[in-house]
PDB file of N, CA and C in Angstrom:
ATOM      1  N   MET A   1       4.532  -0.462 -12.138  1.00  0.00           N
ATOM      2  CA  MET A   1       4.090  -1.807 -11.867  1.00  0.00           C
ATOM      3  C   MET A   1       4.287  -2.103 -10.398  1.00  0.00           C
ATOM      4  N   LEU A   2       3.420  -2.946  -9.857  1.00  0.00           N
ATOM      5  CA  LEU A   2       3.536  -3.348  -8.457  1.00  0.00           C
ATOM      6  C   LEU A   2       4.537  -4.478  -8.323  1.00  0.00           C
ATOM      7  N   ILE A   3       5.390  -4.362  -7.306  1.00  0.00           N
ATOM      8  CA  ILE A   3       6.312  -5.441  -6.966  1.00  0.00           C
ATOM      9  C   ILE A   3       6.117  -5.748  -5.491  1.00  0.00           C
ATOM     10  N   ARG A   4       6.381  -6.989  -5.114  1.00  0.00           N
ATOM     11  CA  ARG A   4       6.274  -7.357  -3.697  1.00  0.00           C
ATOM     12  C   ARG A   4       7.453  -6.785  -2.930  1.00  0.00           C
ATOM     13  N   PHE A   5       7.171  -6.335  -1.722  1.00  0.00           N
ATOM     14  CA  PHE A   5       8.198  -5.826  -0.826  1.00  0.00           C
ATOM     15  C   PHE A   5       9.222  -6.915  -0.524  1.00  0.00           C
ATOM     16  N   LYS A   6      10.486  -6.527  -0.568  1.00  0.00           N
ATOM     17  CA  LYS A   6      11.586  -7.410  -0.181  1.00  0.00           C
ATOM     18  C   LYS A   6      12.442  -6.653   0.816  1.00  0.00           C
ATOM     19  N   ARG A   7      13.118  -7.388   1.655  1.00  0.00           N
ATOM     20  CA  ARG A   7      13.919  -6.792   2.734  1.00  0.00           C
ATOM     21  C   ARG A   7      14.937  -5.774   2.215  1.00  0.00           C
ATOM     22  N   ASN A   8      15.503  -5.986   1.033  1.00  0.00           N
ATOM     23  CA  ASN A   8      16.498  -5.042   0.514  1.00  0.00           C
ATOM     24  C   ASN A   8      15.879  -3.687   0.151  1.00  0.00           C
ATOM     25  N   LEU A   9      14.558  -3.592   0.137  1.00  0.00           N
ATOM     26  CA  LEU A   9      13.869  -2.334  -0.147  1.00  0.00           C
ATOM     27  C   LEU A   9      13.266  -1.715   1.121  1.00  0.00           C
ATOM     28  N   GLU A  10      13.710  -2.199   2.278  1.00  0.00           N
ATOM     29  CA  GLU A  10      13.119  -1.778   3.545  1.00  0.00           C
ATOM     30  C   GLU A  10      13.215  -0.267   3.776  1.00  0.00           C
ATOM     31  N   LYS A  11      14.368   0.323   3.529  1.00  0.00           N
ATOM     32  CA  LYS A  11      14.525   1.766   3.767  1.00  0.00           C
ATOM     33  C   LYS A  11      13.631   2.584   2.848  1.00  0.00           C
ATOM     34  N   ILE A  12      13.500   2.159   1.615  1.00  0.00           N
ATOM     35  CA  ILE A  12      12.616   2.852   0.675  1.00  0.00           C
ATOM     36  C   ILE A  12      11.169   2.721   1.135  1.00  0.00           C
ATOM     37  N   ALA A  13      10.774   1.513   1.532  1.00  0.00           N
ATOM     38  CA  ALA A  13       9.404   1.283   2.004  1.00  0.00           C
ATOM     39  C   ALA A  13       9.115   2.109   3.256  1.00  0.00           C
ATOM     40  N   MET A  14      10.066   2.145   4.187  1.00  0.00           N
ATOM     41  CA  MET A  14       9.874   2.940   5.404  1.00  0.00           C
ATOM     42  C   MET A  14       9.749   4.426   5.068  1.00  0.00           C
ATOM     43  N   GLY A  15      10.548   4.894   4.127  1.00  0.00           N
ATOM     44  CA  GLY A  15      10.448   6.285   3.710  1.00  0.00           C
ATOM     45  C   GLY A  15       9.086   6.615   3.138  1.00  0.00           C
ATOM     46  N   LEU A  16       8.571   5.736   2.293  1.00  0.00           N
ATOM     47  CA  LEU A  16       7.252   5.962   1.706  1.00  0.00           C
ATOM     48  C   LEU A  16       6.144   5.899   2.758  1.00  0.00           C
ATOM     49  N   LEU A  17       6.198   4.892   3.625  1.00  0.00           N
ATOM     50  CA  LEU A  17       5.165   4.761   4.657  1.00  0.00           C
ATOM     51  C   LEU A  17       5.197   5.929   5.641  1.00  0.00           C
ATOM     52  N   SER A  18       6.365   6.543   5.821  1.00  0.00           N
ATOM     53  CA  SER A  18       6.471   7.662   6.761  1.00  0.00           C
ATOM     54  C   SER A  18       5.673   8.888   6.303  1.00  0.00           C
ATOM     55  N   PHE A  19       5.236   8.914   5.040  1.00  0.00           N
ATOM     56  CA  PHE A  19       4.399  10.011   4.564  1.00  0.00           C
ATOM     57  C   PHE A  19       2.964   9.886   5.067  1.00  0.00           C
ATOM     58  N   MET A  20       2.601   8.715   5.605  1.00  0.00           N
ATOM     59  CA  MET A  20       1.259   8.537   6.155  1.00  0.00           C
ATOM     60  C   MET A  20       1.230   9.098   7.574  1.00  0.00           C
ATOM     61  N   PRO A  21       0.223   9.891   7.909  1.00  0.00           N
ATOM     62  CA  PRO A  21       0.189  10.547   9.230  1.00  0.00           C
ATOM     63  C   PRO A  21       0.347   9.598  10.417  1.00  0.00           C
ATOM     64  N   GLU A  22      -0.264   8.438  10.354  1.00  0.00           N
ATOM     65  CA  GLU A  22      -0.198   7.512  11.495  1.00  0.00           C
ATOM     66  C   GLU A  22       1.122   6.759  11.571  1.00  0.00           C
ATOM     67  N   GLU A  23       1.999   6.959  10.607  1.00  0.00           N
ATOM     68  CA  GLU A  23       3.291   6.263  10.585  1.00  0.00           C
ATOM     69  C   GLU A  23       4.470   7.220  10.793  1.00  0.00           C
ATOM     70  N   LYS A  24       4.234   8.375  11.373  1.00  0.00           N
ATOM     71  CA  LYS A  24       5.303   9.358  11.573  1.00  0.00           C
ATOM     72  C   LYS A  24       6.316   8.910  12.629  1.00  0.00           C
ATOM     73  N   ASP A  25       5.848   8.246  13.674  1.00  0.00           N
ATOM     74  CA  ASP A  25       6.716   7.800  14.755  1.00  0.00           C
ATOM     75  C   ASP A  25       7.595   6.636  14.282  1.00  0.00           C
ATOM     76  N   VAL A  26       8.895   6.727  14.531  1.00  0.00           N
ATOM     77  CA  VAL A  26       9.837   5.722  14.039  1.00  0.00           C
ATOM     78  C   VAL A  26       9.525   4.332  14.608  1.00  0.00           C
ATOM     79  N   LYS A  27       9.193   4.256  15.882  1.00  0.00           N
ATOM     80  CA  LYS A  27       8.868   2.943  16.479  1.00  0.00           C
ATOM     81  C   LYS A  27       7.640   2.328  15.823  1.00  0.00           C
ATOM     82  N   LYS A  28       6.621   3.136  15.586  1.00  0.00           N
ATOM     83  CA  LYS A  28       5.396   2.653  14.933  1.00  0.00           C
ATOM     84  C   LYS A  28       5.718   2.182  13.512  1.00  0.00           C
ATOM     85  N   LEU A  29       6.536   2.939  12.824  1.00  0.00           N
ATOM     86  CA  LEU A  29       6.937   2.597  11.462  1.00  0.00           C
ATOM     87  C   LEU A  29       7.697   1.273  11.436  1.00  0.00           C
ATOM     88  N   GLN A  30       8.596   1.066  12.375  1.00  0.00           N
ATOM     89  CA  GLN A  30       9.350  -0.186  12.461  1.00  0.00           C
ATOM     90  C   GLN A  30       8.422  -1.366  12.769  1.00  0.00           C
ATOM     91  N   GLU A  31       7.425  -1.149  13.631  1.00  0.00           N
ATOM     92  CA  GLU A  31       6.442  -2.200  13.929  1.00  0.00           C
ATOM     93  C   GLU A  31       5.639  -2.563  12.683  1.00  0.00           C
ATOM     94  N   THR A  32       5.262  -1.556  11.912  1.00  0.00           N
ATOM     95  CA  THR A  32       4.493  -1.793  10.686  1.00  0.00           C
ATOM     96  C   THR A  32       5.306  -2.608   9.685  1.00  0.00           C
ATOM     97  N   ILE A  33       6.552  -2.227   9.472  1.00  0.00           N
ATOM     98  CA  ILE A  33       7.414  -2.971   8.546  1.00  0.00           C
ATOM     99  C   ILE A  33       7.591  -4.409   9.042  1.00  0.00           C
ATOM    100  N   ARG A  34       7.759  -4.579  10.328  1.00  0.00           N
ATOM    101  CA  ARG A  34       7.904  -5.932  10.891  1.00  0.00           C
ATOM    102  C   ARG A  34       6.658  -6.781  10.615  1.00  0.00           C
ATOM    103  N   GLU A  35       5.474  -6.160  10.735  1.00  0.00           N
ATOM    104  CA  GLU A  35       4.228  -6.891  10.418  1.00  0.00           C
ATOM    105  C   GLU A  35       4.251  -7.385   8.970  1.00  0.00           C
ATOM    106  N   TYR A  36       4.670  -6.508   8.050  1.00  0.00           N
ATOM    107  CA  TYR A  36       4.711  -6.892   6.641  1.00  0.00           C
ATOM    108  C   TYR A  36       5.756  -7.972   6.374  1.00  0.00           C
ATOM    109  N   GLU A  37       6.816  -7.989   7.150  1.00  0.00           N
ATOM    110  CA  GLU A  37       7.862  -8.994   6.964  1.00  0.00           C
ATOM    111  C   GLU A  37       7.498 -10.346   7.582  1.00  0.00           C
ATOM    112  N   GLU A  38       6.820 -10.315   8.725  1.00  0.00           N
ATOM    113  CA  GLU A  38       6.627 -11.543   9.502  1.00  0.00           C
ATOM    114  C   GLU A  38       5.227 -12.135   9.452  1.00  0.00           C
ATOM    115  N   ASN A  39       4.231 -11.345   9.140  1.00  0.00           N
ATOM    116  CA  ASN A  39       2.848 -11.805   9.181  1.00  0.00           C
ATOM    117  C   ASN A  39       2.401 -12.222   7.777  1.00  0.00           C
ATOM    118  N   ASP A  40       2.029 -13.476   7.626  1.00  0.00           N
ATOM    119  CA  ASP A  40       1.612 -14.001   6.311  1.00  0.00           C
ATOM    120  C   ASP A  40       0.364 -13.319   5.761  1.00  0.00           C
ATOM    121  N   GLY A  41      -0.434 -12.713   6.615  1.00  0.00           N
ATOM    122  CA  GLY A  41      -1.657 -12.055   6.174  1.00  0.00           C
ATOM    123  C   GLY A  41      -1.470 -10.609   5.759  1.00  0.00           C
ATOM    124  N   TRP A  42      -0.257 -10.080   5.919  1.00  0.00           N
ATOM    125  CA  TRP A  42       0.044  -8.702   5.546  1.00  0.00           C
ATOM    126  C   TRP A  42       0.934  -8.718   4.304  1.00  0.00           C
ATOM    127  N   HIS A  43       0.562  -7.945   3.288  1.00  0.00           N
ATOM    128  CA  HIS A  43       1.323  -7.897   2.039  1.00  0.00           C
ATOM    129  C   HIS A  43       1.598  -6.437   1.674  1.00  0.00           C
ATOM    130  N   LEU A  44       2.860  -6.112   1.513  1.00  0.00           N
ATOM    131  CA  LEU A  44       3.248  -4.764   1.096  1.00  0.00           C
ATOM    132  C   LEU A  44       3.739  -4.822  -0.339  1.00  0.00           C
ATOM    133  N   HIS A  45       3.190  -3.956  -1.161  1.00  0.00           N
ATOM    134  CA  HIS A  45       3.573  -3.859  -2.565  1.00  0.00           C
ATOM    135  C   HIS A  45       4.143  -2.466  -2.802  1.00  0.00           C
ATOM    136  N   LEU A  46       5.130  -2.388  -3.655  1.00  0.00           N
ATOM    137  CA  LEU A  46       5.743  -1.111  -4.003  1.00  0.00           C
ATOM    138  C   LEU A  46       5.484  -0.821  -5.476  1.00  0.00           C
ATOM    139  N   TRP A  47       5.260   0.437  -5.803  1.00  0.00           N
ATOM    140  CA  TRP A  47       5.014   0.845  -7.182  1.00  0.00           C
ATOM    141  C   TRP A  47       6.335   1.309  -7.777  1.00  0.00           C
ATOM    142  N   LYS A  48       6.750   0.630  -8.838  1.00  0.00           N
ATOM    143  CA  LYS A  48       8.030   0.924  -9.458  1.00  0.00           C
ATOM    144  C   LYS A  48       7.811   1.359 -10.906  1.00  0.00           C
ATOM    145  N   GLU A  49       8.443   2.460 -11.266  1.00  0.00           N
ATOM    146  CA  GLU A  49       8.467   2.939 -12.651  1.00  0.00           C
ATOM    147  C   GLU A  49       9.914   3.178 -13.017  1.00  0.00           C
ATOM    148  N   ASP A  50      10.329   2.612 -14.129  1.00  0.00           N
ATOM    149  CA  ASP A  50      11.735   2.621 -14.521  1.00  0.00           C
ATOM    150  C   ASP A  50      12.530   2.000 -13.367  1.00  0.00           C
ATOM    151  N   ASP A  51      13.455   2.705 -12.787  1.00  0.00           N
ATOM    152  CA  ASP A  51      14.215   2.157 -11.655  1.00  0.00           C
ATOM    153  C   ASP A  51      13.840   2.805 -10.333  1.00  0.00           C
ATOM    154  N   ASP A  52      12.777   3.592 -10.327  1.00  0.00           N
ATOM    155  CA  ASP A  52      12.385   4.326  -9.130  1.00  0.00           C
ATOM    156  C   ASP A  52      11.166   3.708  -8.464  1.00  0.00           C
ATOM    157  N   VAL A  53      11.214   3.596  -7.143  1.00  0.00           N
ATOM    158  CA  VAL A  53      10.062   3.165  -6.355  1.00  0.00           C
ATOM    159  C   VAL A  53       9.343   4.434  -5.918  1.00  0.00           C
ATOM    160  N   LEU A  54       8.101   4.587  -6.366  1.00  0.00           N
ATOM    161  CA  LEU A  54       7.379   5.850  -6.186  1.00  0.00           C
ATOM    162  C   LEU A  54       6.222   5.765  -5.202  1.00  0.00           C
ATOM    163  N   GLY A  55       5.777   4.561  -4.864  1.00  0.00           N
ATOM    164  CA  GLY A  55       4.623   4.435  -3.983  1.00  0.00           C
ATOM    165  C   GLY A  55       4.599   3.094  -3.295  1.00  0.00           C
ATOM    166  N   ALA A  56       3.695   2.997  -2.314  1.00  0.00           N
ATOM    167  CA  ALA A  56       3.525   1.745  -1.572  1.00  0.00           C
ATOM    168  C   ALA A  56       2.051   1.552  -1.250  1.00  0.00           C
ATOM    169  N   VAL A  57       1.639   0.309  -1.289  1.00  0.00           N
ATOM    170  CA  VAL A  57       0.284  -0.046  -0.884  1.00  0.00           C
ATOM    171  C   VAL A  57       0.375  -1.333  -0.070  1.00  0.00           C
ATOM    172  N   GLY A  58      -0.203  -1.284   1.116  1.00  0.00           N
ATOM    173  CA  GLY A  58      -0.159  -2.439   2.003  1.00  0.00           C
ATOM    174  C   GLY A  58      -1.557  -2.953   2.282  1.00  0.00           C
ATOM    175  N   VAL A  59      -1.697  -4.267   2.271  1.00  0.00           N
ATOM    176  CA  VAL A  59      -2.997  -4.885   2.504  1.00  0.00           C
ATOM    177  C   VAL A  59      -2.897  -5.918   3.617  1.00  0.00           C
ATOM    178  N   GLN A  60      -4.027  -6.135   4.270  1.00  0.00           N
ATOM    179  CA  GLN A  60      -4.115  -7.158   5.309  1.00  0.00           C
ATOM    180  C   GLN A  60      -5.290  -8.065   4.993  1.00  0.00           C
ATOM    181  N   ILE A  61      -5.007  -9.358   4.930  1.00  0.00           N
ATOM    182  CA  ILE A  61      -6.068 -10.346   4.724  1.00  0.00           C
ATOM    183  C   ILE A  61      -6.710 -10.596   6.083  1.00  0.00           C
ATOM    184  N   MET A  62      -7.985 -10.257   6.181  1.00  0.00           N
ATOM    185  CA  MET A  62      -8.682 -10.341   7.461  1.00  0.00           C
ATOM    186  C   MET A  62      -9.262 -11.731   7.711  1.00  0.00           C
ATOM    187  N   ASN A  63      -9.803 -12.346   6.672  1.00  0.00           N
ATOM    188  CA  ASN A  63     -10.390 -13.684   6.789  1.00  0.00           C
ATOM    189  C   ASN A  63     -10.467 -14.272   5.387  1.00  0.00           C
ATOM    190  N   ASP A  64     -11.215 -15.334   5.225  1.00  0.00           N
ATOM    191  CA  ASP A  64     -11.274 -16.021   3.934  1.00  0.00           C
ATOM    192  C   ASP A  64     -11.815 -15.169   2.795  1.00  0.00           C
ATOM    193  N   ASN A  65     -12.527 -14.084   3.127  1.00  0.00           N
ATOM    194  CA  ASN A  65     -13.127 -13.328   2.027  1.00  0.00           C
ATOM    195  C   ASN A  65     -12.955 -11.814   2.114  1.00  0.00           C
ATOM    196  N   GLN A  66     -12.189 -11.314   3.077  1.00  0.00           N
ATOM    197  CA  GLN A  66     -12.036  -9.859   3.162  1.00  0.00           C
ATOM    198  C   GLN A  66     -10.567  -9.447   3.249  1.00  0.00           C
ATOM    199  N   LEU A  67     -10.254  -8.409   2.478  1.00  0.00           N
ATOM    200  CA  LEU A  67      -8.912  -7.831   2.442  1.00  0.00           C
ATOM    201  C   LEU A  67      -9.050  -6.332   2.677  1.00  0.00           C
ATOM    202  N   VAL A  68      -8.222  -5.797   3.568  1.00  0.00           N
ATOM    203  CA  VAL A  68      -8.267  -4.368   3.893  1.00  0.00           C
ATOM    204  C   VAL A  68      -7.020  -3.690   3.342  1.00  0.00           C
ATOM    205  N   ILE A  69      -7.216  -2.594   2.613  1.00  0.00           N
ATOM    206  CA  ILE A  69      -6.081  -1.770   2.197  1.00  0.00           C
ATOM    207  C   ILE A  69      -5.710  -0.910   3.393  1.00  0.00           C
ATOM    208  N   LYS A  70      -4.579  -1.225   4.014  1.00  0.00           N
ATOM    209  CA  LYS A  70      -4.141  -0.563   5.249  1.00  0.00           C
ATOM    210  C   LYS A  70      -3.329   0.702   4.976  1.00  0.00           C
ATOM    211  N   HIS A  71      -2.491   0.655   3.984  1.00  0.00           N
ATOM    212  CA  HIS A  71      -1.583   1.768   3.689  1.00  0.00           C
ATOM    213  C   HIS A  71      -1.626   2.075   2.195  1.00  0.00           C
ATOM    214  N   LEU A  72      -1.548   3.347   1.883  1.00  0.00           N
ATOM    215  CA  LEU A  72      -1.492   3.786   0.498  1.00  0.00           C
ATOM    216  C   LEU A  72      -0.759   5.123   0.483  1.00  0.00           C
ATOM    217  N   THR A  73       0.391   5.148  -0.150  1.00  0.00           N
ATOM    218  CA  THR A  73       1.200   6.357  -0.132  1.00  0.00           C
ATOM    219  C   THR A  73       2.018   6.491  -1.411  1.00  0.00           C
ATOM    220  N   VAL A  74       2.205   7.730  -1.821  1.00  0.00           N
ATOM    221  CA  VAL A  74       2.989   8.050  -3.015  1.00  0.00           C
ATOM    222  C   VAL A  74       3.994   9.135  -2.622  1.00  0.00           C
ATOM    223  N   ASN A  75       5.192   9.024  -3.140  1.00  0.00           N
ATOM    224  CA  ASN A  75       6.211  10.045  -2.919  1.00  0.00           C
ATOM    225  C   ASN A  75       5.613  11.403  -3.282  1.00  0.00           C
ATOM    226  N   PRO A  76       5.705  12.390  -2.396  1.00  0.00           N
ATOM    227  CA  PRO A  76       5.070  13.689  -2.662  1.00  0.00           C
ATOM    228  C   PRO A  76       5.468  14.334  -3.987  1.00  0.00           C
ATOM    229  N   SER A  77       6.686  14.125  -4.443  1.00  0.00           N
ATOM    230  CA  SER A  77       7.089  14.736  -5.712  1.00  0.00           C
ATOM    231  C   SER A  77       6.487  14.034  -6.929  1.00  0.00           C
ATOM    232  N   HIS A  78       5.763  12.928  -6.711  1.00  0.00           N
ATOM    233  CA  HIS A  78       5.130  12.211  -7.821  1.00  0.00           C
ATOM    234  C   HIS A  78       3.613  12.107  -7.648  1.00  0.00           C
ATOM    235  N   ARG A  79       3.060  12.896  -6.762  1.00  0.00           N
ATOM    236  CA  ARG A  79       1.605  12.867  -6.554  1.00  0.00           C
ATOM    237  C   ARG A  79       0.893  13.577  -7.689  1.00  0.00           C
ATOM    238  N   ASP A  80      -0.407  13.324  -7.777  1.00  0.00           N
ATOM    239  CA  ASP A  80      -1.275  13.908  -8.813  1.00  0.00           C
ATOM    240  C   ASP A  80      -0.900  13.445 -10.211  1.00  0.00           C
ATOM    241  N   GLN A  81      -0.333  12.239 -10.298  1.00  0.00           N
ATOM    242  CA  GLN A  81       0.004  11.645 -11.588  1.00  0.00           C
ATOM    243  C   GLN A  81      -0.753  10.330 -11.807  1.00  0.00           C
ATOM    244  N   GLY A  82      -1.668  10.003 -10.898  1.00  0.00           N
ATOM    245  CA  GLY A  82      -2.471   8.795 -11.038  1.00  0.00           C
ATOM    246  C   GLY A  82      -1.834   7.537 -10.484  1.00  0.00           C
ATOM    247  N   ILE A  83      -0.707   7.645  -9.795  1.00  0.00           N
ATOM    248  CA  ILE A  83      -0.015   6.458  -9.279  1.00  0.00           C
ATOM    249  C   ILE A  83      -0.858   5.754  -8.223  1.00  0.00           C
ATOM    250  N   GLY A  84      -1.434   6.510  -7.294  1.00  0.00           N
ATOM    251  CA  GLY A  84      -2.275   5.900  -6.260  1.00  0.00           C
ATOM    252  C   GLY A  84      -3.453   5.143  -6.852  1.00  0.00           C
ATOM    253  N   SER A  85      -4.090   5.740  -7.840  1.00  0.00           N
ATOM    254  CA  SER A  85      -5.229   5.083  -8.500  1.00  0.00           C
ATOM    255  C   SER A  85      -4.787   3.824  -9.239  1.00  0.00           C
ATOM    256  N   ARG A  86      -3.610   3.863  -9.860  1.00  0.00           N
ATOM    257  CA  ARG A  86      -3.104   2.675 -10.552  1.00  0.00           C
ATOM    258  C   ARG A  86      -2.756   1.568  -9.554  1.00  0.00           C
ATOM    259  N   MET A  87      -2.248   1.957  -8.390  1.00  0.00           N
ATOM    260  CA  MET A  87      -1.958   0.939  -7.368  1.00  0.00           C
ATOM    261  C   MET A  87      -3.248   0.267  -6.904  1.00  0.00           C
ATOM    262  N   ILE A  88      -4.285   1.052  -6.686  1.00  0.00           N
ATOM    263  CA  ILE A  88      -5.569   0.475  -6.272  1.00  0.00           C
ATOM    264  C   ILE A  88      -6.116  -0.438  -7.365  1.00  0.00           C
ATOM    265  N   ALA A  89      -6.017  -0.020  -8.609  1.00  0.00           N
ATOM    266  CA  ALA A  89      -6.488  -0.855  -9.721  1.00  0.00           C
ATOM    267  C   ALA A  89      -5.726  -2.186  -9.748  1.00  0.00           C
ATOM    268  N   GLU A  90      -4.421  -2.145  -9.512  1.00  0.00           N
ATOM    269  CA  GLU A  90      -3.618  -3.381  -9.494  1.00  0.00           C
ATOM    270  C   GLU A  90      -3.987  -4.275  -8.324  1.00  0.00           C
ATOM    271  N   ILE A  91      -4.236  -3.679  -7.168  1.00  0.00           N
ATOM    272  CA  ILE A  91      -4.666  -4.476  -6.005  1.00  0.00           C
ATOM    273  C   ILE A  91      -5.979  -5.183  -6.342  1.00  0.00           C
ATOM    274  N   HIS A  92      -6.883  -4.479  -6.993  1.00  0.00           N
ATOM    275  CA  HIS A  92      -8.153  -5.113  -7.402  1.00  0.00           C
ATOM    276  C   HIS A  92      -7.890  -6.227  -8.414  1.00  0.00           C
ATOM    277  N   ARG A  93      -6.991  -5.990  -9.342  1.00  0.00           N
ATOM    278  CA  ARG A  93      -6.682  -7.028 -10.336  1.00  0.00           C
ATOM    279  C   ARG A  93      -6.100  -8.273  -9.660  1.00  0.00           C
ATOM    280  N   ILE A  94      -5.236  -8.080  -8.705  1.00  0.00           N
ATOM    281  CA  ILE A  94      -4.560  -9.201  -8.046  1.00  0.00           C
ATOM    282  C   ILE A  94      -5.478  -9.952  -7.081  1.00  0.00           C
ATOM    283  N   TYR A  95      -6.278  -9.214  -6.314  1.00  0.00           N
ATOM    284  CA  TYR A  95      -6.974  -9.828  -5.180  1.00  0.00           C
ATOM    285  C   TYR A  95      -8.494  -9.952  -5.309  1.00  0.00           C
ATOM    286  N   SER A  96      -9.133  -9.235  -6.223  1.00  0.00           N
ATOM    287  CA  SER A  96     -10.604  -9.187  -6.193  1.00  0.00           C
ATOM    288  C   SER A  96     -11.284 -10.504  -6.538  1.00  0.00           C
ATOM    289  N   ASP A  97     -10.598 -11.427  -7.194  1.00  0.00           N
ATOM    290  CA  ASP A  97     -11.216 -12.728  -7.466  1.00  0.00           C
ATOM    291  C   ASP A  97     -11.445 -13.522  -6.186  1.00  0.00           C
ATOM    292  N   LYS A  98     -10.626 -13.281  -5.180  1.00  0.00           N
ATOM    293  CA  LYS A  98     -10.702 -14.069  -3.951  1.00  0.00           C
ATOM    294  C   LYS A  98     -11.246 -13.285  -2.758  1.00  0.00           C
ATOM    295  N   TYR A  99     -11.082 -11.966  -2.754  1.00  0.00           N
ATOM    296  CA  TYR A  99     -11.429 -11.172  -1.575  1.00  0.00           C
ATOM    297  C   TYR A  99     -12.333  -9.992  -1.908  1.00  0.00           C
ATOM    298  N   ASN A 100     -13.172  -9.651  -0.938  1.00  0.00           N
ATOM    299  CA  ASN A 100     -13.900  -8.402  -0.956  1.00  0.00           C
ATOM    300  C   ASN A 100     -12.928  -7.353  -0.426  1.00  0.00           C
ATOM    301  N   ILE A 101     -12.614  -6.349  -1.211  1.00  0.00           N
ATOM    302  CA  ILE A 101     -11.594  -5.361  -0.858  1.00  0.00           C
ATOM    303  C   ILE A 101     -12.262  -4.134  -0.247  1.00  0.00           C
ATOM    304  N   VAL A 102     -11.793  -3.753   0.944  1.00  0.00           N
ATOM    305  CA  VAL A 102     -12.300  -2.570   1.630  1.00  0.00           C
ATOM    306  C   VAL A 102     -11.115  -1.719   2.095  1.00  0.00           C
ATOM    307  N   PRO A 103     -11.311  -0.416   2.171  1.00  0.00           N
ATOM    308  CA  PRO A 103     -10.222   0.445   2.634  1.00  0.00           C
ATOM    309  C   PRO A 103     -10.242   0.618   4.145  1.00  0.00           C
ATOM    310  N   ALA A 104      -9.064   0.807   4.737  1.00  0.00           N
ATOM    311  CA  ALA A 104      -8.984   1.241   6.127  1.00  0.00           C
ATOM    312  C   ALA A 104      -9.443   2.696   6.172  1.00  0.00           C
ATOM    313  N   GLU A 105      -9.817   3.161   7.322  1.00  0.00           N
ATOM    314  CA  GLU A 105     -10.315   4.532   7.469  1.00  0.00           C
ATOM    315  C   GLU A 105      -9.309   5.570   6.953  1.00  0.00           C
ATOM    316  N   SER A 106      -8.024   5.310   7.162  1.00  0.00           N
ATOM    317  CA  SER A 106      -6.991   6.281   6.775  1.00  0.00           C
ATOM    318  C   SER A 106      -6.846   6.443   5.262  1.00  0.00           C
ATOM    319  N   VAL A 107      -7.311   5.489   4.481  1.00  0.00           N
ATOM    320  CA  VAL A 107      -7.201   5.591   3.018  1.00  0.00           C
ATOM    321  C   VAL A 107      -8.564   5.639   2.331  1.00  0.00           C
ATOM    322  N   LYS A 108      -9.622   5.654   3.121  1.00  0.00           N
ATOM    323  CA  LYS A 108     -10.973   5.540   2.576  1.00  0.00           C
ATOM    324  C   LYS A 108     -11.339   6.640   1.579  1.00  0.00           C
ATOM    325  N   ALA A 109     -11.070   7.887   1.916  1.00  0.00           N
ATOM    326  CA  ALA A 109     -11.462   8.995   1.024  1.00  0.00           C
ATOM    327  C   ALA A 109     -10.757   8.882  -0.329  1.00  0.00           C
ATOM    328  N   PHE A 110      -9.447   8.617  -0.306  1.00  0.00           N
ATOM    329  CA  PHE A 110      -8.714   8.489  -1.564  1.00  0.00           C
ATOM    330  C   PHE A 110      -9.184   7.256  -2.326  1.00  0.00           C
ATOM    331  N   TYR A 111      -9.417   6.165  -1.631  1.00  0.00           N
ATOM    332  CA  TYR A 111      -9.863   4.919  -2.259  1.00  0.00           C
ATOM    333  C   TYR A 111     -11.176   5.145  -3.010  1.00  0.00           C
ATOM    334  N   GLU A 112     -12.129   5.771  -2.345  1.00  0.00           N
ATOM    335  CA  GLU A 112     -13.434   5.997  -2.983  1.00  0.00           C
ATOM    336  C   GLU A 112     -13.311   6.921  -4.193  1.00  0.00           C
ATOM    337  N   LYS A 113     -12.470   7.947  -4.079  1.00  0.00           N
ATOM    338  CA  LYS A 113     -12.223   8.845  -5.208  1.00  0.00           C
ATOM    339  C   LYS A 113     -11.599   8.090  -6.379  1.00  0.00           C
ATOM    340  N   SER A 114     -10.683   7.196  -6.072  1.00  0.00           N
ATOM    341  CA  SER A 114     -10.001   6.413  -7.108  1.00  0.00           C
ATOM    342  C   SER A 114     -10.946   5.461  -7.798  1.00  0.00           C
ATOM    343  N   LEU A 115     -11.856   4.846  -7.035  1.00  0.00           N
ATOM    344  CA  LEU A 115     -12.823   3.921  -7.651  1.00  0.00           C
ATOM    345  C   LEU A 115     -13.717   4.653  -8.626  1.00  0.00           C
ATOM    346  N   ASP A 116     -14.080   5.880  -8.302  1.00  0.00           N
ATOM    347  CA  ASP A 116     -14.914   6.676  -9.209  1.00  0.00           C
ATOM    348  C   ASP A 116     -14.183   6.949 -10.520  1.00  0.00           C
ATOM    349  N   ALA A 117     -12.850   7.045 -10.464  1.00  0.00           N
ATOM    350  CA  ALA A 117     -12.060   7.338 -11.657  1.00  0.00           C
ATOM    351  C   ALA A 117     -11.790   6.103 -12.508  1.00  0.00           C
ATOM    352  N   LEU A 118     -11.938   4.913 -11.924  1.00  0.00           N
ATOM    353  CA  LEU A 118     -11.646   3.672 -12.675  1.00  0.00           C
ATOM    354  C   LEU A 118     -12.735   3.351 -13.663  1.00  0.00           C
TER     355      LEU A 118
END
């Protein structure tokens, strides 16, 4: 299930986001987390199963009708289990009534593959 990012989960969120190629640099990663903490238009969600946080999906509200999926990552030891696709499905469930959802370039290929599976 998706849960909203909270400050007490910051290290877990940073660990998950660090699996994304553009978030390898620690300074860049810290800037990204700060955006999710301070910017009202940025929302980070974590995928939790049982007591484990296994994935993260971050979105940015661009304007009144568009939302961009900026980040999408799953712990490597839990990949190929459909978690990424379930996160995308949940983002659509939560936001599609109000926003046109589009992927950022870094998640586009996986996003399109996931939509085909839904």
